[in-house]
C-alpha atoms as a PDB file:
ATOM      1  CA  MET A   1       0.000   0.000   0.000  1.00  0.00           C
ATOM      2  CA  PRO A   2       1.480   3.367  -0.948  1.00  0.00           C
ATOM      3  CA  GLY A   3       0.133   5.199   2.137  1.00  0.00           C
ATOM      4  CA  ALA A   4       1.321   2.625   4.660  1.00  0.00           C
ATOM      5  CA  ARG A   5       4.123   3.626   6.974  1.00  0.00           C
ATOM      6  CA  PRO A   6       6.805   1.142   8.027  1.00  0.00           C
ATOM      7  CA  SER A   7       6.403   0.066  11.631  1.00  0.00           C
ATOM      8  CA  SER A   8       9.986   1.053  12.503  1.00  0.00           C
ATOM      9  CA  GLU A   9       9.202   4.778  12.158  1.00  0.00           C
ATOM     10  CA  PRO A  10       7.962   6.358  15.379  1.00  0.00           C
ATOM     11  CA  ARG A  11       4.558   7.956  15.308  1.00  0.00           C
ATOM     12  CA  PRO A  12       4.351  11.668  16.082  1.00  0.00           C
ATOM     13  CA  ALA A  13       3.620  12.288  19.761  1.00  0.00           C
ATOM     14  CA  ALA A  14       0.065  13.288  20.557  1.00  0.00           C
ATOM     15  CA  ASP A  15      -0.540  16.467  22.505  1.00  0.00           C
ATOM     16  CA  THR A  16      -2.053  14.816  25.557  1.00  0.00           C
ATOM     17  CA  VAL A  17      -2.497  18.096  27.445  1.00  0.00           C
ATOM     18  CA  SER A  18      -4.760  19.406  24.699  1.00  0.00           C
ATOM     19  CA  ASP A  19      -6.722  16.150  24.763  1.00  0.00           C
ATOM     20  CA  VAL A  20      -7.238  16.365  28.520  1.00  0.00           C
ATOM     21  CA  ILE A  21      -8.264  20.019  28.351  1.00  0.00           C
ATOM     22  CA  GLY A  22     -10.631  19.269  25.470  1.00  0.00           C
ATOM     23  CA  TRP A  23     -12.406  16.581  27.493  1.00  0.00           C
ATOM     24  CA  ALA A  24     -12.503  18.860  30.535  1.00  0.00           C
ATOM     25  CA  ALA A  25     -14.099  21.640  28.466  1.00  0.00           C
ATOM     26  CA  PHE A  26     -16.621  19.130  27.158  1.00  0.00           C
ATOM     27  CA  SER A  27     -17.515  18.181  30.729  1.00  0.00           C
ATOM     28  CA  CYS A  28     -17.884  21.882  31.629  1.00  0.00           C
ATOM     29  CA  VAL A  29     -20.729  21.966  29.124  1.00  0.00           C
ATOM     30  CA  LEU A  30     -22.154  18.488  29.628  1.00  0.00           C
ATOM     31  CA  VAL A  31     -22.417  18.441  33.433  1.00  0.00           C
ATOM     32  CA  PRO A  32     -24.620  21.555  33.749  1.00  0.00           C
ATOM     33  CA  VAL A  33     -26.874  20.312  30.938  1.00  0.00           C
ATOM     34  CA  VAL A  34     -27.333  16.997  32.741  1.00  0.00           C
ATOM     35  CA  LEU A  35     -27.961  18.795  36.033  1.00  0.00           C
ATOM     36  CA  VAL A  36     -30.683  20.946  34.488  1.00  0.00           C
ATOM     37  CA  TRP A  37     -32.131  17.886  32.749  1.00  0.00           C
ATOM     38  CA  PHE A  38     -32.496  16.133  36.105  1.00  0.00           C
ATOM     39  CA  GLY A  39     -34.150  19.106  37.801  1.00  0.00           C
ATOM     40  CA  THR A  40     -31.356  21.196  39.323  1.00  0.00           C
ATOM     41  CA  SER A  41     -31.963  24.930  39.205  1.00  0.00           C
ATOM     42  CA  LEU A  42     -30.419  26.947  36.413  1.00  0.00           C
ATOM     43  CA  ALA A  43     -28.476  28.996  38.969  1.00  0.00           C
ATOM     44  CA  GLY A  44     -27.016  25.848  40.531  1.00  0.00           C
ATOM     45  CA  ALA A  45     -26.044  24.464  37.139  1.00  0.00           C
ATOM     46  CA  THR A  46     -24.456  27.796  36.190  1.00  0.00           C
ATOM     47  CA  GLY A  47     -22.462  27.853  39.418  1.00  0.00           C
ATOM     48  CA  THR A  48     -21.306  24.316  38.740  1.00  0.00           C
ATOM     49  CA  ALA A  49     -20.278  25.261  35.208  1.00  0.00           C
ATOM     50  CA  LEU A  50     -18.269  28.234  36.488  1.00  0.00           C
ATOM     51  CA  GLY A  51     -16.583  26.086  39.125  1.00  0.00           C
ATOM     52  CA  LEU A  52     -15.661  23.428  36.583  1.00  0.00           C
ATOM     53  CA  ALA A  53     -14.355  26.096  34.203  1.00  0.00           C
ATOM     54  CA  ALA A  54     -12.154  27.549  36.964  1.00  0.00           C
ATOM     55  CA  VAL A  55     -10.746  24.128  37.857  1.00  0.00           C
ATOM     56  CA  THR A  56     -10.158  23.345  34.174  1.00  0.00           C
ATOM     57  CA  ALA A  57      -8.307  26.627  33.653  1.00  0.00           C
ATOM     58  CA  ALA A  58      -6.115  26.034  36.704  1.00  0.00           C
ATOM     59  CA  CYS A  59      -5.331  22.473  35.573  1.00  0.00           C
ATOM     60  CA  ARG A  60      -4.459  23.708  32.097  1.00  0.00           C
ATOM     61  CA  VAL A  61      -2.000  26.232  33.513  1.00  0.00           C
ATOM     62  CA  LEU A  62      -0.403  23.612  35.763  1.00  0.00           C
ATOM     63  CA  LEU A  63      -0.177  21.011  32.991  1.00  0.00           C
ATOM     64  CA  ARG A  64       1.452  23.445  30.556  1.00  0.00           C
ATOM     65  CA  ARG A  65       3.863  24.599  33.253  1.00  0.00           C
ATOM     66  CA  SER A  66       4.770  20.998  34.046  1.00  0.00           C
ATOM     67  CA  GLU A  67       5.275  20.294  30.346  1.00  0.00           C
ATOM     68  CA  ARG A  68       7.642  23.263  29.982  1.00  0.00           C
ATOM     69  CA  CYS A  69       9.563  22.246  33.100  1.00  0.00           C
ATOM     70  CA  ALA A  70       9.946  18.682  31.810  1.00  0.00           C
ATOM     71  CA  LEU A  71      11.316  19.949  28.498  1.00  0.00           C
ATOM     72  CA  ARG A  72      13.711  22.294  30.258  1.00  0.00           C
ATOM     73  CA  CYS A  73      14.953  19.522  32.571  1.00  0.00           C
ATOM     74  CA  GLU A  74      15.367  17.189  29.591  1.00  0.00           C
ATOM     75  CA  THR A  75      17.563  19.666  27.700  1.00  0.00           C
ATOM     76  CA  GLN A  76      19.649  20.381  30.800  1.00  0.00           C
ATOM     77  CA  ARG A  77      20.362  16.681  31.315  1.00  0.00           C
ATOM     78  CA  GLY A  78      21.698  16.365  27.791  1.00  0.00           C
ATOM     79  CA  GLY A  79      24.628  18.757  28.389  1.00  0.00           C
ATOM     80  CA  ARG A  80      27.999  18.078  29.956  1.00  0.00           C
ATOM     81  CA  HIS A  81      28.264  17.896  33.710  1.00  0.00           C
ATOM     82  CA  THR A  82      31.100  19.981  35.110  1.00  0.00           C
ATOM     83  CA  ARG A  83      30.970  18.676  38.674  1.00  0.00           C
ATOM     84  CA  GLU A  84      31.158  15.167  39.991  1.00  0.00           C
ATOM     85  CA  ARG A  85      28.069  13.525  41.349  1.00  0.00           C
ATOM     86  CA  THR A  86      28.514  11.485  44.480  1.00  0.00           C
ATOM     87  CA  PRO A  87      25.959   9.202  46.062  1.00  0.00           C
ATOM     88  CA  VAL A  88      24.182  10.464  49.143  1.00  0.00           C
ATOM     89  CA  ASP A  89      24.509   8.317  52.274  1.00  0.00           C
END
Protein backbone atom coordinates (compact mmCIF):
# COMPACT_ATOMS: atom_id res chain seq x y z
CA MET A 1 0.00 0.00 0.00
CA PRO A 2 1.48 3.37 -0.95
CA GLY A 3 0.13 5.20 2.14
CA ALA A 4 1.32 2.63 4.66
CA ARG A 5 4.12 3.63 6.97
CA PRO A 6 6.81 1.14 8.03
CA SER A 7 6.40 0.07 11.63
CA SER A 8 9.99 1.05 12.50
CA GLU A 9 9.20 4.78 12.16
CA PRO A 10 7.96 6.36 15.38
CA ARG A 11 4.56 7.96 15.31
CA PRO A 12 4.35 11.67 16.08
CA ALA A 13 3.62 12.29 19.76
CA ALA A 14 0.06 13.29 20.56
CA ASP A 15 -0.54 16.47 22.51
CA THR A 16 -2.05 14.82 25.56
CA VAL A 17 -2.50 18.10 27.44
CA SER A 18 -4.76 19.41 24.70
CA ASP A 19 -6.72 16.15 24.76
CA VAL A 20 -7.24 16.37 28.52
CA ILE A 21 -8.26 20.02 28.35
CA GLY A 22 -10.63 19.27 25.47
CA TRP A 23 -12.41 16.58 27.49
CA ALA A 24 -12.50 18.86 30.54
CA ALA A 25 -14.10 21.64 28.47
CA PHE A 26 -16.62 19.13 27.16
CA SER A 27 -17.51 18.18 30.73
CA CYS A 28 -17.88 21.88 31.63
CA VAL A 29 -20.73 21.97 29.12
CA LEU A 30 -22.15 18.49 29.63
CA VAL A 31 -22.42 18.44 33.43
CA PRO A 32 -24.62 21.56 33.75
CA VAL A 33 -26.87 20.31 30.94
CA VAL A 34 -27.33 17.00 32.74
CA LEU A 35 -27.96 18.80 36.03
CA VAL A 36 -30.68 20.95 34.49
CA TRP A 37 -32.13 17.89 32.75
CA PHE A 38 -32.50 16.13 36.10
CA GLY A 39 -34.15 19.11 37.80
CA THR A 40 -31.36 21.20 39.32
CA SER A 41 -31.96 24.93 39.21
CA LEU A 42 -30.42 26.95 36.41
CA ALA A 43 -28.48 29.00 38.97
CA GLY A 44 -27.02 25.85 40.53
CA ALA A 45 -26.04 24.46 37.14
CA THR A 46 -24.46 27.80 36.19
CA GLY A 47 -22.46 27.85 39.42
CA THR A 48 -21.31 24.32 38.74
CA ALA A 49 -20.28 25.26 35.21
CA LEU A 50 -18.27 28.23 36.49
CA GLY A 51 -16.58 26.09 39.12
CA LEU A 52 -15.66 23.43 36.58
CA ALA A 53 -14.35 26.10 34.20
CA ALA A 54 -12.15 27.55 36.96
CA VAL A 55 -10.75 24.13 37.86
CA THR A 56 -10.16 23.34 34.17
CA ALA A 57 -8.31 26.63 33.65
CA ALA A 58 -6.11 26.03 36.70
CA CYS A 59 -5.33 22.47 35.57
CA ARG A 60 -4.46 23.71 32.10
CA VAL A 61 -2.00 26.23 33.51
CA LEU A 62 -0.40 23.61 35.76
CA LEU A 63 -0.18 21.01 32.99
CA ARG A 64 1.45 23.44 30.56
CA ARG A 65 3.86 24.60 33.25
CA SER A 66 4.77 21.00 34.05
CA GLU A 67 5.28 20.29 30.35
CA ARG A 68 7.64 23.26 29.98
CA CYS A 69 9.56 22.25 33.10
CA ALA A 70 9.95 18.68 31.81
CA LEU A 71 11.32 19.95 28.50
CA ARG A 72 13.71 22.29 30.26
CA CYS A 73 14.95 19.52 32.57
CA GLU A 74 15.37 17.19 29.59
CA THR A 75 17.56 19.67 27.70
CA GLN A 76 19.65 20.38 30.80
CA ARG A 77 20.36 16.68 31.31
CA GLY A 78 21.70 16.36 27.79
CA GLY A 79 24.63 18.76 28.39
CA ARG A 80 28.00 18.08 29.96
CA HIS A 81 28.26 17.90 33.71
CA THR A 82 31.10 19.98 35.11
CA ARG A 83 30.97 18.68 38.67
CA GLU A 84 31.16 15.17 39.99
CA ARG A 85 28.07 13.53 41.35
CA THR A 86 28.51 11.49 44.48
CA PRO A 87 25.96 9.20 46.06
CA VAL A 88 24.18 10.46 49.14
CA ASP A 89 24.51 8.32 52.27
